[in-house]
Amino acid sequence: MDARRLEDEVEMPLEGIVYGEVSGWLTIIGILVAIAGIIIGVVTGNSVFDYQSTIKDLLSGHDEEKIWTDDSIFHSEPHGYWFLNVIHTGDGIAMFGIALAVYGGIVGLLLLIVFTFRSREVLLYKKGLYTFLAIAIFCLMVYCAWEAEF
């Protein structure tokens, strides 16, 4: 049996396709946004950091608190979704791209769970263990994202 024929016979579950497509594309878009933000920050100088001082401090072995305090416009270490307040800067756009890439997994997993509930056979596969694990992982991911805000 050749590979093409085997590929035609194997049917991918819709839940897996939805998860893969959504999380994959959001990750790719997030990476492109992050790269664009870095380019904007470097080329225009519209940045949260003084890059020359930051690189000098990194190579000198300073910790992140000192770098945030000395080299950023915040003059303290920011917490949570700080980049939303400076989304007009290259660093704000770059961090938004990274957040978009990370949240792609959460959105993909949410859609996987929604599509799991469309079929009793899929919902109760392995006595519902996979559904339970998907919901538990989703709750953990949302909790971690929530805690990152504060």
N, C-alpha and C. Protein backbone atom coordinates (compact mmCIF):
# COMPACT_ATOMS: atom_id res chain seq x y z
N MET A 1 0.86 -1.18 0.00
CA MET A 1 0.00 0.00 0.00
C MET A 1 0.90 1.24 0.00
N ASP A 2 0.69 2.11 -0.96
CA ASP A 2 1.54 3.30 -1.01
C ASP A 2 1.06 4.36 -0.03
N ALA A 3 1.92 5.33 0.22
CA ALA A 3 1.64 6.35 1.24
C ALA A 3 0.43 7.20 0.87
N ARG A 4 0.27 7.52 -0.41
CA ARG A 4 -0.85 8.37 -0.83
C ARG A 4 -2.19 7.67 -0.55
N ARG A 5 -2.25 6.40 -0.81
CA ARG A 5 -3.48 5.66 -0.59
C ARG A 5 -3.79 5.57 0.91
N LEU A 6 -2.76 5.35 1.72
CA LEU A 6 -2.94 5.30 3.17
C LEU A 6 -3.40 6.66 3.69
N GLU A 7 -2.84 7.72 3.13
CA GLU A 7 -3.23 9.08 3.55
C GLU A 7 -4.70 9.34 3.23
N ASP A 8 -5.17 8.84 2.10
CA ASP A 8 -6.57 9.02 1.71
C ASP A 8 -7.50 8.25 2.65
N GLU A 9 -7.04 7.13 3.20
CA GLU A 9 -7.88 6.30 4.06
C GLU A 9 -7.95 6.82 5.49
N VAL A 10 -6.92 7.52 5.95
CA VAL A 10 -6.88 8.03 7.32
C VAL A 10 -7.63 9.37 7.36
N GLU A 11 -8.63 9.42 8.20
CA GLU A 11 -9.40 10.65 8.33
C GLU A 11 -9.00 11.36 9.62
N MET A 12 -8.53 12.57 9.47
CA MET A 12 -8.13 13.35 10.64
C MET A 12 -9.38 13.81 11.39
N PRO A 13 -9.37 13.73 12.71
CA PRO A 13 -10.52 14.22 13.48
C PRO A 13 -10.64 15.74 13.34
N LEU A 14 -11.86 16.22 13.20
CA LEU A 14 -12.11 17.64 13.02
C LEU A 14 -11.55 18.45 14.19
N GLU A 15 -11.62 17.89 15.40
CA GLU A 15 -11.13 18.60 16.58
C GLU A 15 -9.63 18.91 16.44
N GLY A 16 -8.88 17.93 15.98
CA GLY A 16 -7.44 18.11 15.79
C GLY A 16 -7.12 19.11 14.70
N ILE A 17 -7.89 19.07 13.62
CA ILE A 17 -7.68 20.02 12.53
C ILE A 17 -7.95 21.44 13.00
N VAL A 18 -9.05 21.63 13.71
CA VAL A 18 -9.39 22.97 14.21
C VAL A 18 -8.32 23.49 15.16
N TYR A 19 -7.91 22.64 16.10
CA TYR A 19 -6.87 23.06 17.04
C TYR A 19 -5.58 23.42 16.31
N GLY A 20 -5.15 22.55 15.41
CA GLY A 20 -3.90 22.77 14.70
C GLY A 20 -3.93 24.02 13.84
N GLU A 21 -5.01 24.23 13.12
CA GLU A 21 -5.10 25.39 12.24
C GLU A 21 -5.15 26.69 13.04
N VAL A 22 -6.01 26.75 14.03
CA VAL A 22 -6.17 27.99 14.80
C VAL A 22 -4.90 28.32 15.58
N SER A 23 -4.40 27.36 16.34
CA SER A 23 -3.21 27.66 17.14
C SER A 23 -2.00 27.89 16.25
N GLY A 24 -1.89 27.16 15.17
CA GLY A 24 -0.77 27.34 14.26
C GLY A 24 -0.77 28.70 13.60
N TRP A 25 -1.91 29.10 13.05
CA TRP A 25 -1.96 30.40 12.36
C TRP A 25 -1.82 31.57 13.33
N LEU A 26 -2.41 31.48 14.51
CA LEU A 26 -2.25 32.57 15.48
C LEU A 26 -0.79 32.67 15.94
N THR A 27 -0.12 31.54 16.04
CA THR A 27 1.30 31.57 16.40
C THR A 27 2.13 32.21 15.30
N ILE A 28 1.86 31.84 14.07
CA ILE A 28 2.60 32.44 12.94
C ILE A 28 2.35 33.94 12.86
N ILE A 29 1.09 34.35 12.99
CA ILE A 29 0.76 35.78 12.94
C ILE A 29 1.44 36.51 14.10
N GLY A 30 1.41 35.91 15.30
CA GLY A 30 2.07 36.51 16.45
C GLY A 30 3.56 36.70 16.24
N ILE A 31 4.21 35.70 15.64
CA ILE A 31 5.64 35.80 15.36
C ILE A 31 5.92 36.93 14.38
N LEU A 32 5.10 37.03 13.33
CA LEU A 32 5.30 38.10 12.35
C LEU A 32 5.08 39.48 12.97
N VAL A 33 4.08 39.60 13.82
CA VAL A 33 3.84 40.88 14.52
C VAL A 33 5.02 41.20 15.42
N ALA A 34 5.55 40.21 16.14
CA ALA A 34 6.69 40.44 17.03
C ALA A 34 7.92 40.88 16.23
N ILE A 35 8.17 40.25 15.11
CA ILE A 35 9.31 40.64 14.27
C ILE A 35 9.13 42.06 13.76
N ALA A 36 7.91 42.40 13.32
CA ALA A 36 7.63 43.76 12.86
C ALA A 36 7.86 44.76 13.99
N GLY A 37 7.45 44.42 15.21
CA GLY A 37 7.66 45.31 16.35
C GLY A 37 9.13 45.54 16.64
N ILE A 38 9.91 44.48 16.54
CA ILE A 38 11.36 44.62 16.77
C ILE A 38 11.97 45.52 15.70
N ILE A 39 11.58 45.31 14.46
CA ILE A 39 12.11 46.14 13.37
C ILE A 39 11.71 47.60 13.57
N ILE A 40 10.46 47.85 13.93
CA ILE A 40 10.00 49.22 14.18
C ILE A 40 10.80 49.85 15.31
N GLY A 41 11.00 49.10 16.39
CA GLY A 41 11.75 49.63 17.53
C GLY A 41 13.19 49.96 17.19
N VAL A 42 13.83 49.11 16.42
CA VAL A 42 15.25 49.32 16.09
C VAL A 42 15.41 50.42 15.04
N VAL A 43 14.59 50.39 14.00
CA VAL A 43 14.75 51.34 12.89
C VAL A 43 14.33 52.76 13.30
N THR A 44 13.19 52.89 13.97
CA THR A 44 12.68 54.22 14.30
C THR A 44 13.17 54.74 15.64
N GLY A 45 13.67 53.87 16.49
CA GLY A 45 14.08 54.29 17.83
C GLY A 45 12.89 54.48 18.76
N ASN A 46 11.70 54.14 18.28
CA ASN A 46 10.47 54.26 19.07
C ASN A 46 10.37 53.02 19.95
N SER A 47 11.04 53.08 21.11
CA SER A 47 11.19 51.90 21.94
C SER A 47 11.04 52.25 23.42
N VAL A 48 10.75 51.24 24.19
CA VAL A 48 10.66 51.38 25.65
C VAL A 48 12.06 51.43 26.25
N PHE A 49 13.00 50.80 25.59
CA PHE A 49 14.37 50.70 26.09
C PHE A 49 15.34 51.60 25.33
N ASP A 50 16.39 51.99 26.02
CA ASP A 50 17.57 52.54 25.37
C ASP A 50 18.43 51.33 25.03
N TYR A 51 18.42 50.93 23.77
CA TYR A 51 19.05 49.66 23.38
C TYR A 51 20.54 49.61 23.69
N GLN A 52 21.25 50.71 23.49
CA GLN A 52 22.70 50.69 23.75
C GLN A 52 22.98 50.43 25.23
N SER A 53 22.27 51.10 26.11
CA SER A 53 22.46 50.87 27.55
C SER A 53 22.02 49.47 27.94
N THR A 54 20.93 49.00 27.34
CA THR A 54 20.43 47.67 27.66
C THR A 54 21.44 46.60 27.29
N ILE A 55 22.00 46.68 26.10
CA ILE A 55 22.99 45.70 25.67
C ILE A 55 24.23 45.76 26.55
N LYS A 56 24.67 46.99 26.88
CA LYS A 56 25.83 47.14 27.75
C LYS A 56 25.56 46.51 29.12
N ASP A 57 24.38 46.76 29.68
CA ASP A 57 24.05 46.20 30.99
C ASP A 57 23.88 44.67 30.94
N LEU A 58 23.32 44.16 29.84
CA LEU A 58 23.19 42.70 29.69
C LEU A 58 24.56 42.03 29.65
N LEU A 59 25.47 42.62 28.87
CA LEU A 59 26.81 42.04 28.76
C LEU A 59 27.61 42.20 30.04
N SER A 60 27.23 43.18 30.87
CA SER A 60 27.91 43.38 32.15
C SER A 60 27.37 42.43 33.23
N GLY A 61 26.29 41.73 32.92
CA GLY A 61 25.75 40.75 33.86
C GLY A 61 24.73 41.31 34.84
N HIS A 62 24.17 42.47 34.56
CA HIS A 62 23.16 43.05 35.46
C HIS A 62 21.88 42.21 35.41
N ASP A 63 21.13 42.22 36.52
CA ASP A 63 19.88 41.47 36.56
C ASP A 63 18.76 42.27 35.90
N GLU A 64 17.62 41.57 35.67
CA GLU A 64 16.53 42.20 34.92
C GLU A 64 15.93 43.39 35.66
N GLU A 65 15.90 43.37 36.98
CA GLU A 65 15.33 44.50 37.72
C GLU A 65 16.14 45.77 37.49
N LYS A 66 17.46 45.65 37.52
CA LYS A 66 18.31 46.81 37.29
C LYS A 66 18.16 47.32 35.86
N ILE A 67 18.07 46.40 34.91
CA ILE A 67 17.91 46.80 33.51
C ILE A 67 16.59 47.53 33.30
N TRP A 68 15.49 46.99 33.86
CA TRP A 68 14.20 47.67 33.73
C TRP A 68 14.24 49.04 34.40
N THR A 69 14.88 49.13 35.55
CA THR A 69 14.93 50.38 36.29
C THR A 69 15.78 51.43 35.58
N ASP A 70 16.93 51.03 35.09
CA ASP A 70 17.88 51.99 34.52
C ASP A 70 17.64 52.29 33.04
N ASP A 71 17.21 51.29 32.27
CA ASP A 71 17.21 51.44 30.82
C ASP A 71 15.83 51.62 30.18
N SER A 72 14.76 51.49 30.95
CA SER A 72 13.43 51.59 30.35
C SER A 72 12.75 52.90 30.73
N ILE A 73 11.68 53.20 30.02
CA ILE A 73 10.92 54.42 30.31
C ILE A 73 10.09 54.27 31.58
N PHE A 74 9.96 53.05 32.09
CA PHE A 74 9.15 52.81 33.28
C PHE A 74 9.91 53.14 34.57
N HIS A 75 11.21 52.96 34.56
CA HIS A 75 12.08 53.13 35.73
C HIS A 75 11.67 52.22 36.88
N SER A 76 11.01 51.13 36.54
CA SER A 76 10.69 50.05 37.49
C SER A 76 10.34 48.82 36.66
N GLU A 77 10.34 47.68 37.30
CA GLU A 77 10.01 46.45 36.57
C GLU A 77 8.50 46.37 36.39
N PRO A 78 8.02 46.35 35.15
CA PRO A 78 6.56 46.30 34.94
C PRO A 78 6.01 44.90 35.18
N HIS A 79 4.74 44.82 35.43
CA HIS A 79 4.08 43.54 35.65
C HIS A 79 2.84 43.46 34.78
N GLY A 80 2.40 42.26 34.53
CA GLY A 80 1.17 42.05 33.78
C GLY A 80 1.31 42.40 32.32
N TYR A 81 0.26 42.92 31.77
CA TYR A 81 0.21 43.25 30.35
C TYR A 81 0.63 44.70 30.12
N TRP A 82 1.85 45.00 30.51
CA TRP A 82 2.39 46.35 30.42
C TRP A 82 2.45 46.86 28.99
N PHE A 83 2.60 45.97 28.05
CA PHE A 83 2.78 46.37 26.65
C PHE A 83 1.53 47.02 26.06
N LEU A 84 0.37 46.80 26.66
CA LEU A 84 -0.85 47.44 26.14
C LEU A 84 -0.82 48.95 26.34
N ASN A 85 -0.10 49.40 27.38
CA ASN A 85 0.01 50.85 27.62
C ASN A 85 1.00 51.52 26.68
N VAL A 86 1.89 50.74 26.07
CA VAL A 86 2.90 51.29 25.16
C VAL A 86 2.82 50.60 23.80
N ILE A 87 1.61 50.28 23.37
CA ILE A 87 1.42 49.55 22.12
C ILE A 87 1.89 50.37 20.91
N HIS A 88 2.04 51.67 21.09
CA HIS A 88 2.50 52.54 20.01
C HIS A 88 4.01 52.46 19.79
N THR A 89 4.72 51.75 20.65
CA THR A 89 6.17 51.61 20.51
C THR A 89 6.50 50.27 19.85
N GLY A 90 7.71 50.15 19.36
CA GLY A 90 8.14 48.89 18.76
C GLY A 90 8.12 47.75 19.77
N ASP A 91 8.56 48.03 21.01
CA ASP A 91 8.55 46.98 22.04
C ASP A 91 7.14 46.57 22.41
N GLY A 92 6.22 47.51 22.43
CA GLY A 92 4.82 47.18 22.72
C GLY A 92 4.22 46.29 21.65
N ILE A 93 4.53 46.59 20.39
CA ILE A 93 4.04 45.76 19.28
C ILE A 93 4.68 44.37 19.35
N ALA A 94 5.98 44.31 19.63
CA ALA A 94 6.67 43.02 19.71
C ALA A 94 6.08 42.16 20.83
N MET A 95 5.85 42.74 21.99
CA MET A 95 5.28 41.96 23.10
C MET A 95 3.84 41.55 22.81
N PHE A 96 3.09 42.40 22.11
CA PHE A 96 1.74 42.03 21.70
C PHE A 96 1.78 40.81 20.78
N GLY A 97 2.76 40.78 19.87
CA GLY A 97 2.91 39.63 18.98
C GLY A 97 3.23 38.36 19.76
N ILE A 98 4.08 38.47 20.75
CA ILE A 98 4.41 37.30 21.58
C ILE A 98 3.18 36.83 22.34
N ALA A 99 2.41 37.78 22.90
CA ALA A 99 1.18 37.41 23.61
C ALA A 99 0.19 36.74 22.66
N LEU A 100 0.08 37.26 21.44
CA LEU A 100 -0.82 36.67 20.45
C LEU A 100 -0.41 35.23 20.14
N ALA A 101 0.87 35.00 20.00
CA ALA A 101 1.36 33.64 19.74
C ALA A 101 1.04 32.71 20.90
N VAL A 102 1.21 33.17 22.11
CA VAL A 102 0.93 32.35 23.29
C VAL A 102 -0.57 32.08 23.42
N TYR A 103 -1.38 33.11 23.21
CA TYR A 103 -2.83 32.93 23.33
C TYR A 103 -3.41 32.12 22.19
N GLY A 104 -2.65 31.92 21.11
CA GLY A 104 -3.11 31.05 20.04
C GLY A 104 -3.38 29.64 20.54
N GLY A 105 -2.55 29.16 21.44
CA GLY A 105 -2.76 27.83 22.01
C GLY A 105 -4.01 27.77 22.86
N ILE A 106 -4.28 28.83 23.60
CA ILE A 106 -5.47 28.86 24.44
C ILE A 106 -6.73 28.89 23.58
N VAL A 107 -6.75 29.73 22.55
CA VAL A 107 -7.92 29.81 21.67
C VAL A 107 -8.11 28.49 20.93
N GLY A 108 -7.02 27.91 20.45
CA GLY A 108 -7.11 26.63 19.76
C GLY A 108 -7.66 25.53 20.67
N LEU A 109 -7.21 25.51 21.92
CA LEU A 109 -7.68 24.50 22.86
C LEU A 109 -9.15 24.71 23.20
N LEU A 110 -9.57 25.97 23.34
CA LEU A 110 -10.99 26.25 23.59
C LEU A 110 -11.85 25.73 22.44
N LEU A 111 -11.42 25.97 21.22
CA LEU A 111 -12.19 25.48 20.07
C LEU A 111 -12.16 23.95 19.99
N LEU A 112 -11.05 23.35 20.37
CA LEU A 112 -10.99 21.89 20.42
C LEU A 112 -12.05 21.36 21.38
N ILE A 113 -12.16 21.98 22.54
CA ILE A 113 -13.15 21.54 23.53
C ILE A 113 -14.57 21.74 22.99
N VAL A 114 -14.83 22.87 22.35
CA VAL A 114 -16.15 23.13 21.78
C VAL A 114 -16.49 22.06 20.74
N PHE A 115 -15.54 21.77 19.86
CA PHE A 115 -15.80 20.77 18.82
C PHE A 115 -15.87 19.36 19.40
N THR A 116 -15.26 19.11 20.54
CA THR A 116 -15.36 17.81 21.19
C THR A 116 -16.80 17.55 21.64
N PHE A 117 -17.50 18.59 22.06
CA PHE A 117 -18.86 18.43 22.56
C PHE A 117 -19.88 18.21 21.44
N ARG A 118 -19.45 18.29 20.19
CA ARG A 118 -20.40 18.09 19.08
C ARG A 118 -20.69 16.61 18.84
N SER A 119 -19.86 15.73 19.37
CA SER A 119 -20.02 14.30 19.11
C SER A 119 -19.91 13.52 20.42
N ARG A 120 -20.91 12.74 20.70
CA ARG A 120 -20.89 11.92 21.92
C ARG A 120 -19.75 10.90 21.87
N GLU A 121 -19.48 10.37 20.68
CA GLU A 121 -18.41 9.39 20.53
C GLU A 121 -17.06 9.99 20.90
N VAL A 122 -16.80 11.19 20.43
CA VAL A 122 -15.53 11.86 20.74
C VAL A 122 -15.51 12.31 22.19
N LEU A 123 -16.62 12.82 22.67
CA LEU A 123 -16.71 13.33 24.04
C LEU A 123 -16.41 12.24 25.06
N LEU A 124 -16.90 11.04 24.82
CA LEU A 124 -16.74 9.94 25.78
C LEU A 124 -15.63 8.97 25.41
N TYR A 125 -14.77 9.35 24.46
CA TYR A 125 -13.67 8.49 24.06
C TYR A 125 -12.76 8.25 25.27
N LYS A 126 -12.38 7.02 25.49
CA LYS A 126 -11.58 6.62 26.66
C LYS A 126 -12.27 7.05 27.96
N LYS A 127 -13.58 6.89 27.98
CA LYS A 127 -14.42 7.21 29.14
C LYS A 127 -14.33 8.67 29.54
N GLY A 128 -14.12 9.52 28.56
CA GLY A 128 -14.12 10.97 28.81
C GLY A 128 -12.81 11.51 29.35
N LEU A 129 -11.78 10.66 29.43
CA LEU A 129 -10.51 11.09 29.99
C LEU A 129 -9.87 12.21 29.16
N TYR A 130 -9.88 12.06 27.85
CA TYR A 130 -9.27 13.09 27.00
C TYR A 130 -10.02 14.41 27.11
N THR A 131 -11.33 14.34 27.18
CA THR A 131 -12.12 15.57 27.34
C THR A 131 -11.79 16.23 28.67
N PHE A 132 -11.72 15.43 29.73
CA PHE A 132 -11.38 15.97 31.04
C PHE A 132 -9.99 16.61 31.02
N LEU A 133 -9.01 15.92 30.41
CA LEU A 133 -7.65 16.48 30.33
C LEU A 133 -7.61 17.77 29.53
N ALA A 134 -8.35 17.83 28.43
CA ALA A 134 -8.39 19.05 27.63
C ALA A 134 -8.96 20.21 28.43
N ILE A 135 -10.03 19.95 29.17
CA ILE A 135 -10.65 21.00 29.98
C ILE A 135 -9.71 21.41 31.12
N ALA A 136 -9.05 20.44 31.75
CA ALA A 136 -8.11 20.76 32.83
C ALA A 136 -6.94 21.59 32.32
N ILE A 137 -6.38 21.21 31.17
CA ILE A 137 -5.26 21.97 30.60
C ILE A 137 -5.71 23.37 30.21
N PHE A 138 -6.91 23.48 29.63
CA PHE A 138 -7.44 24.80 29.28
C PHE A 138 -7.59 25.68 30.52
N CYS A 139 -8.15 25.12 31.59
CA CYS A 139 -8.32 25.90 32.84
C CYS A 139 -6.96 26.34 33.39
N LEU A 140 -5.98 25.46 33.34
CA LEU A 140 -4.64 25.81 33.81
C LEU A 140 -4.03 26.92 32.96
N MET A 141 -4.19 26.83 31.65
CA MET A 141 -3.64 27.87 30.77
C MET A 141 -4.31 29.22 31.01
N VAL A 142 -5.62 29.22 31.17
CA VAL A 142 -6.33 30.47 31.44
C VAL A 142 -5.92 31.04 32.79
N TYR A 143 -5.76 30.18 33.79
CA TYR A 143 -5.33 30.63 35.11
C TYR A 143 -3.95 31.28 35.04
N CYS A 144 -3.02 30.64 34.33
CA CYS A 144 -1.67 31.19 34.20
C CYS A 144 -1.70 32.53 33.46
N ALA A 145 -2.52 32.62 32.43
CA ALA A 145 -2.64 33.89 31.69
C ALA A 145 -3.25 34.97 32.59
N TRP A 146 -4.22 34.59 33.40
CA TRP A 146 -4.85 35.54 34.32
C TRP A 146 -3.85 36.03 35.35
N GLU A 147 -3.07 35.13 35.92
CA GLU A 147 -2.07 35.50 36.92
C GLU A 147 -0.97 36.37 36.33
N ALA A 148 -0.68 36.22 35.06
CA ALA A 148 0.36 37.05 34.43
C ALA A 148 -0.05 38.51 34.39
N GLU A 149 -1.35 38.77 34.48
CA GLU A 149 -1.83 40.14 34.40
C GLU A 149 -1.52 40.93 35.66
N PHE A 150 -1.37 40.24 36.78
CA PHE A 150 -1.25 40.95 38.05
C PHE A 150 0.10 40.86 38.67
